[in-house]
Amino acid sequence: MLDDHLDDDRVVIVEYDPRWPAAFEQEKSAVCAALSVLPTGIQHIGSTAIPGLRAKPVIDLLVAVPSFAPVAEYEQRLEPLWYVHIVQPNEPVRIFFRKGSPRTHHLHIVEHGSSEHRRLILFRDYLLRHPETALAYEDLKRDLAVRFALDRPRYTESKTDFIQGIIALADAELAEAEEGGQQARTPC
């Protein structure tokens, strides 16, 4: 299902697949069992978590842990599920695994409550609340997939400004909601 669209590691954006949420739930169960008591939560993030949004057919799982264990421990637990650890420049805040060739799943391990955990949730939730922004993100991704089809790092890097802008908007929206909630509880 997930790898029907790719014959190599090219960046390809496909129509939304209503099977993506079920694919996430199935993988979540497997990852949860493999990691045992390590995670505090596993959430569906990335474009496949946004209903109706065209995306790369790759399921992103966000695994929150109380604090990082040694990478070797994650490697040992996830290897039977065919996950491969890929060292990333941001590894001090996120440990990244991918599955499949072509890739079918990304697994991001972060510390629960960390700025990286918060950032990834803010972005997903903002797109869920703002369909017009989700469509703008889709348009950007489709354009970049054409321009950088064979250069996945450049594709990813080219989305950074948009993503950071959305996170800033989400942060401001959250702060405004929290402030409004506090003001509503404060007597005049």
C-alpha atoms as a PDB file:
ATOM      1  CA  MET A   1       0.000   0.000   0.000  1.00  0.00           C
ATOM      2  CA  LEU A   2       2.576   2.577   1.048  1.00  0.00           C
ATOM      3  CA  ASP A   3       5.277   1.651  -1.438  1.00  0.00           C
ATOM      4  CA  ASP A   4       3.024   1.285  -4.485  1.00  0.00           C
ATOM      5  CA  HIS A   5       3.925   4.808  -5.569  1.00  0.00           C
ATOM      6  CA  LEU A   6       7.709   4.748  -5.401  1.00  0.00           C
ATOM      7  CA  ASP A   7      10.206   2.705  -7.335  1.00  0.00           C
ATOM      8  CA  ASP A   8      13.238   4.305  -5.697  1.00  0.00           C
ATOM      9  CA  ASP A   9      13.933   7.056  -3.158  1.00  0.00           C
ATOM     10  CA  ARG A  10      12.560   9.847  -5.337  1.00  0.00           C
ATOM     11  CA  VAL A  11      10.349  12.500  -3.779  1.00  0.00           C
ATOM     12  CA  VAL A  12       6.843  11.856  -5.052  1.00  0.00           C
ATOM     13  CA  ILE A  13       3.660  13.483  -3.777  1.00  0.00           C
ATOM     14  CA  VAL A  14       0.531  11.340  -4.113  1.00  0.00           C
ATOM     15  CA  GLU A  15      -3.190  11.748  -3.472  1.00  0.00           C
ATOM     16  CA  TYR A  16      -4.324  11.368   0.117  1.00  0.00           C
ATOM     17  CA  ASP A  17      -4.884   7.715   0.962  1.00  0.00           C
ATOM     18  CA  PRO A  18      -7.644   7.096   3.520  1.00  0.00           C
ATOM     19  CA  ARG A  19      -5.747   3.956   4.600  1.00  0.00           C
ATOM     20  CA  TRP A  20      -2.917   6.047   6.095  1.00  0.00           C
ATOM     21  CA  PRO A  21      -4.504   6.404   9.565  1.00  0.00           C
ATOM     22  CA  ALA A  22      -4.984   2.622   9.799  1.00  0.00           C
ATOM     23  CA  ALA A  23      -1.414   2.071   8.593  1.00  0.00           C
ATOM     24  CA  PHE A  24      -0.256   4.397  11.373  1.00  0.00           C
ATOM     25  CA  GLU A  25      -2.304   2.536  14.015  1.00  0.00           C
ATOM     26  CA  GLN A  26      -0.910  -0.812  12.876  1.00  0.00           C
ATOM     27  CA  GLU A  27       2.678   0.450  12.986  1.00  0.00           C
ATOM     28  CA  LYS A  28       2.073   2.210  16.304  1.00  0.00           C
ATOM     29  CA  SER A  29       1.060  -1.106  17.861  1.00  0.00           C
ATOM     30  CA  ALA A  30       4.169  -2.838  16.535  1.00  0.00           C
ATOM     31  CA  VAL A  31       6.492  -0.036  17.667  1.00  0.00           C
ATOM     32  CA  CYS A  32       4.847   0.167  21.088  1.00  0.00           C
ATOM     33  CA  ALA A  33       5.326  -3.571  21.584  1.00  0.00           C
ATOM     34  CA  ALA A  34       8.941  -3.397  20.396  1.00  0.00           C
ATOM     35  CA  LEU A  35       9.821  -0.475  22.651  1.00  0.00           C
ATOM     36  CA  SER A  36       7.980  -1.986  25.609  1.00  0.00           C
ATOM     37  CA  VAL A  37       7.633   0.605  28.377  1.00  0.00           C
ATOM     38  CA  LEU A  38       9.990   3.189  26.866  1.00  0.00           C
ATOM     39  CA  PRO A  39       7.549   5.540  25.103  1.00  0.00           C
ATOM     40  CA  THR A  40       5.254   7.954  26.892  1.00  0.00           C
ATOM     41  CA  GLY A  41       3.289   8.342  23.672  1.00  0.00           C
ATOM     42  CA  ILE A  42       3.271   7.639  19.940  1.00  0.00           C
ATOM     43  CA  GLN A  43       1.525  10.059  17.590  1.00  0.00           C
ATOM     44  CA  HIS A  44       0.924  10.318  13.859  1.00  0.00           C
ATOM     45  CA  ILE A  45       2.669  13.396  12.455  1.00  0.00           C
ATOM     46  CA  GLY A  46       3.694  14.566   9.008  1.00  0.00           C
ATOM     47  CA  SER A  47       1.493  15.121   6.004  1.00  0.00           C
ATOM     48  CA  THR A  48      -0.113  11.678   6.103  1.00  0.00           C
ATOM     49  CA  ALA A  49      -1.655  12.734   9.431  1.00  0.00           C
ATOM     50  CA  ILE A  50      -3.633  15.531   7.739  1.00  0.00           C
ATOM     51  CA  PRO A  51      -6.865  14.189   6.182  1.00  0.00           C
ATOM     52  CA  GLY A  52      -7.168  15.036   2.501  1.00  0.00           C
ATOM     53  CA  LEU A  53      -3.610  16.349   2.138  1.00  0.00           C
ATOM     54  CA  ARG A  54      -1.490  15.038  -0.709  1.00  0.00           C
ATOM     55  CA  ALA A  55       1.778  13.710   0.650  1.00  0.00           C
ATOM     56  CA  LYS A  56       4.759  11.464   0.222  1.00  0.00           C
ATOM     57  CA  PRO A  57       3.402   7.986   1.031  1.00  0.00           C
ATOM     58  CA  VAL A  58       5.504   7.753   4.184  1.00  0.00           C
ATOM     59  CA  ILE A  59       3.938   7.363   7.628  1.00  0.00           C
ATOM     60  CA  ASP A  60       5.676   9.512  10.277  1.00  0.00           C
ATOM     61  CA  LEU A  61       5.531   8.307  13.866  1.00  0.00           C
ATOM     62  CA  LEU A  62       6.490  10.597  16.730  1.00  0.00           C
ATOM     63  CA  VAL A  63       7.682   8.587  19.714  1.00  0.00           C
ATOM     64  CA  ALA A  64       7.969  10.595  22.935  1.00  0.00           C
ATOM     65  CA  VAL A  65      10.154   9.151  25.684  1.00  0.00           C
ATOM     66  CA  PRO A  66      10.803  10.476  29.218  1.00  0.00           C
ATOM     67  CA  SER A  67      14.512  10.807  28.373  1.00  0.00           C
ATOM     68  CA  PHE A  68      16.726   9.371  25.687  1.00  0.00           C
ATOM     69  CA  ALA A  69      18.104   5.877  26.106  1.00  0.00           C
ATOM     70  CA  PRO A  70      21.314   4.993  24.292  1.00  0.00           C
ATOM     71  CA  VAL A  71      20.733   4.859  20.526  1.00  0.00           C
ATOM     72  CA  ALA A  72      21.935   1.243  20.518  1.00  0.00           C
ATOM     73  CA  GLU A  73      18.961   0.297  22.695  1.00  0.00           C
ATOM     74  CA  TYR A  74      16.508   1.746  20.158  1.00  0.00           C
ATOM     75  CA  GLU A  75      18.411   0.088  17.322  1.00  0.00           C
ATOM     76  CA  GLN A  76      18.199  -3.294  19.037  1.00  0.00           C
ATOM     77  CA  ARG A  77      14.484  -2.971  19.771  1.00  0.00           C
ATOM     78  CA  LEU A  78      13.497  -1.571  16.348  1.00  0.00           C
ATOM     79  CA  GLU A  79      15.702  -3.733  14.102  1.00  0.00           C
ATOM     80  CA  PRO A  80      13.210  -6.661  14.108  1.00  0.00           C
ATOM     81  CA  LEU A  81      10.661  -4.216  12.621  1.00  0.00           C
ATOM     82  CA  TRP A  82      13.170  -3.329   9.864  1.00  0.00           C
ATOM     83  CA  TYR A  83      13.885   0.187  11.125  1.00  0.00           C
ATOM     84  CA  VAL A  84      17.332   1.595  10.384  1.00  0.00           C
ATOM     85  CA  HIS A  85      18.858   4.397  12.414  1.00  0.00           C
ATOM     86  CA  ILE A  86      19.900   7.336  10.240  1.00  0.00           C
ATOM     87  CA  VAL A  87      22.198   9.843  11.950  1.00  0.00           C
ATOM     88  CA  GLN A  88      20.887  13.391  11.460  1.00  0.00           C
ATOM     89  CA  PRO A  89      22.442  16.761  12.330  1.00  0.00           C
ATOM     90  CA  ASN A  90      19.672  17.340  14.903  1.00  0.00           C
ATOM     91  CA  GLU A  91      20.288  14.033  16.699  1.00  0.00           C
ATOM     92  CA  PRO A  92      20.803  15.700  20.070  1.00  0.00           C
ATOM     93  CA  VAL A  93      17.060  16.560  20.002  1.00  0.00           C
ATOM     94  CA  ARG A  94      15.607  13.880  17.702  1.00  0.00           C
ATOM     95  CA  ILE A  95      16.693  10.317  16.956  1.00  0.00           C
ATOM     96  CA  PHE A  96      15.575   9.305  13.472  1.00  0.00           C
ATOM     97  CA  PHE A  97      14.821   5.879  11.978  1.00  0.00           C
ATOM     98  CA  ARG A  98      13.455   4.955   8.585  1.00  0.00           C
ATOM     99  CA  LYS A  99      11.861   1.790   7.334  1.00  0.00           C
ATOM    100  CA  GLY A 100      11.575   0.334   3.882  1.00  0.00           C
ATOM    101  CA  SER A 101      13.332   0.620   0.582  1.00  0.00           C
ATOM    102  CA  PRO A 102      11.664   2.546  -0.774  1.00  0.00           C
ATOM    103  CA  ARG A 103      10.891   4.143   2.557  1.00  0.00           C
ATOM    104  CA  THR A 104       7.460   3.547   4.038  1.00  0.00           C
ATOM    105  CA  HIS A 105       7.857   4.886   7.588  1.00  0.00           C
ATOM    106  CA  HIS A 106       9.822   7.506   9.471  1.00  0.00           C
ATOM    107  CA  LEU A 107      10.160   7.192  13.214  1.00  0.00           C
ATOM    108  CA  HIS A 108      11.186  10.256  15.233  1.00  0.00           C
ATOM    109  CA  ILE A 109      12.160   9.730  18.874  1.00  0.00           C
ATOM    110  CA  VAL A 110      12.080  12.875  21.017  1.00  0.00           C
ATOM    111  CA  GLU A 111      12.053  13.628  24.706  1.00  0.00           C
ATOM    112  CA  HIS A 112       8.522  14.214  25.972  1.00  0.00           C
ATOM    113  CA  GLY A 113       7.836  17.911  26.502  1.00  0.00           C
ATOM    114  CA  SER A 114      11.022  19.013  24.721  1.00  0.00           C
ATOM    115  CA  SER A 115      10.994  21.926  22.292  1.00  0.00           C
ATOM    116  CA  GLU A 116      11.312  19.447  19.413  1.00  0.00           C
ATOM    117  CA  HIS A 117       8.318  17.444  20.677  1.00  0.00           C
ATOM    118  CA  ARG A 118       6.301  20.630  21.030  1.00  0.00           C
ATOM    119  CA  ARG A 119       7.399  21.940  17.605  1.00  0.00           C
ATOM    120  CA  LEU A 120       6.314  18.800  15.750  1.00  0.00           C
ATOM    121  CA  ILE A 121       2.910  18.736  17.462  1.00  0.00           C
ATOM    122  CA  LEU A 122       2.337  22.480  16.930  1.00  0.00           C
ATOM    123  CA  PHE A 123       2.956  22.147  13.194  1.00  0.00           C
ATOM    124  CA  ARG A 124       0.642  19.159  12.754  1.00  0.00           C
ATOM    125  CA  ASP A 125      -2.121  20.659  14.866  1.00  0.00           C
ATOM    126  CA  TYR A 126      -1.957  24.019  13.080  1.00  0.00           C
ATOM    127  CA  LEU A 127      -2.404  22.304   9.712  1.00  0.00           C
ATOM    128  CA  LEU A 128      -5.356  20.364  11.113  1.00  0.00           C
ATOM    129  CA  ARG A 129      -7.007  23.603  12.306  1.00  0.00           C
ATOM    130  CA  HIS A 130      -6.191  25.642   9.184  1.00  0.00           C
ATOM    131  CA  PRO A 131      -7.074  23.790   5.959  1.00  0.00           C
ATOM    132  CA  GLU A 132      -6.061  26.779   3.812  1.00  0.00           C
ATOM    133  CA  THR A 133      -2.548  26.626   5.267  1.00  0.00           C
ATOM    134  CA  ALA A 134      -2.467  22.860   4.740  1.00  0.00           C
ATOM    135  CA  LEU A 135      -3.307  23.442   1.066  1.00  0.00           C
ATOM    136  CA  ALA A 136      -0.553  26.061   0.775  1.00  0.00           C
ATOM    137  CA  TYR A 137       1.850  23.527   2.282  1.00  0.00           C
ATOM    138  CA  GLU A 138       0.652  20.919  -0.199  1.00  0.00           C
ATOM    139  CA  ASP A 139       1.253  23.335  -3.090  1.00  0.00           C
ATOM    140  CA  LEU A 140       4.762  24.045  -1.828  1.00  0.00           C
ATOM    141  CA  LYS A 141       5.547  20.345  -1.461  1.00  0.00           C
ATOM    142  CA  ARG A 142       4.242  19.544  -4.935  1.00  0.00           C
ATOM    143  CA  ASP A 143       6.383  22.291  -6.447  1.00  0.00           C
ATOM    144  CA  LEU A 144       9.475  21.197  -4.516  1.00  0.00           C
ATOM    145  CA  ALA A 145       8.884  17.532  -5.399  1.00  0.00           C
ATOM    146  CA  VAL A 146       9.069  18.472  -9.084  1.00  0.00           C
ATOM    147  CA  ARG A 147      12.159  20.628  -8.601  1.00  0.00           C
ATOM    148  CA  PHE A 148      14.013  18.272  -6.237  1.00  0.00           C
ATOM    149  CA  ALA A 149      12.593  14.839  -7.082  1.00  0.00           C
ATOM    150  CA  LEU A 150      16.035  13.244  -6.934  1.00  0.00           C
ATOM    151  CA  ASP A 151      17.397  15.356  -4.082  1.00  0.00           C
ATOM    152  CA  ARG A 152      15.460  14.513  -0.917  1.00  0.00           C
ATOM    153  CA  PRO A 153      17.734  16.576   1.404  1.00  0.00           C
ATOM    154  CA  ARG A 154      17.216  19.678  -0.736  1.00  0.00           C
ATOM    155  CA  TYR A 155      13.469  19.030  -0.868  1.00  0.00           C
ATOM    156  CA  THR A 156      13.355  18.814   2.929  1.00  0.00           C
ATOM    157  CA  GLU A 157      15.586  21.848   3.441  1.00  0.00           C
ATOM    158  CA  SER A 158      13.477  23.931   1.047  1.00  0.00           C
ATOM    159  CA  LYS A 159      10.412  23.464   3.258  1.00  0.00           C
ATOM    160  CA  THR A 160      12.171  24.807   6.367  1.00  0.00           C
ATOM    161  CA  ASP A 161      11.174  28.484   6.118  1.00  0.00           C
ATOM    162  CA  PHE A 162       7.519  27.615   5.543  1.00  0.00           C
ATOM    163  CA  ILE A 163       7.485  25.159   8.438  1.00  0.00           C
ATOM    164  CA  GLN A 164       9.203  27.582  10.807  1.00  0.00           C
ATOM    165  CA  GLY A 165       6.716  30.279   9.833  1.00  0.00           C
ATOM    166  CA  ILE A 166       3.797  27.972  10.605  1.00  0.00           C
ATOM    167  CA  ILE A 167       5.297  26.991  13.942  1.00  0.00           C
ATOM    168  CA  ALA A 168       5.657  30.686  14.828  1.00  0.00           C
ATOM    169  CA  LEU A 169       1.994  31.258  13.902  1.00  0.00           C
ATOM    170  CA  ALA A 170       0.936  28.207  15.918  1.00  0.00           C
ATOM    171  CA  ASP A 171       2.979  29.396  18.887  1.00  0.00           C
ATOM    172  CA  ALA A 172       1.387  32.857  18.710  1.00  0.00           C
ATOM    173  CA  GLU A 173      -2.086  31.336  18.371  1.00  0.00           C
ATOM    174  CA  LEU A 174      -1.486  29.127  21.387  1.00  0.00           C
ATOM    175  CA  ALA A 175      -0.128  32.026  23.453  1.00  0.00           C
ATOM    176  CA  GLU A 176      -3.143  34.146  22.511  1.00  0.00           C
ATOM    177  CA  ALA A 177      -5.537  31.341  23.455  1.00  0.00           C
ATOM    178  CA  GLU A 178      -3.771  30.816  26.776  1.00  0.00           C
ATOM    179  CA  GLU A 179      -3.766  34.550  27.471  1.00  0.00           C
ATOM    180  CA  GLY A 180      -7.434  34.802  26.529  1.00  0.00           C
ATOM    181  CA  GLY A 181      -8.218  31.892  28.822  1.00  0.00           C
ATOM    182  CA  GLN A 182      -6.361  33.522  31.700  1.00  0.00           C
ATOM    183  CA  GLN A 183      -8.094  36.823  31.100  1.00  0.00           C
ATOM    184  CA  ALA A 184     -11.470  35.106  31.031  1.00  0.00           C
ATOM    185  CA  ARG A 185     -10.794  33.641  34.488  1.00  0.00           C
ATOM    186  CA  THR A 186      -9.455  36.881  35.950  1.00  0.00           C
ATOM    187  CA  PRO A 187     -12.181  39.019  37.568  1.00  0.00           C
ATOM    188  CA  CYS A 188     -12.392  42.691  36.448  1.00  0.00           C
END
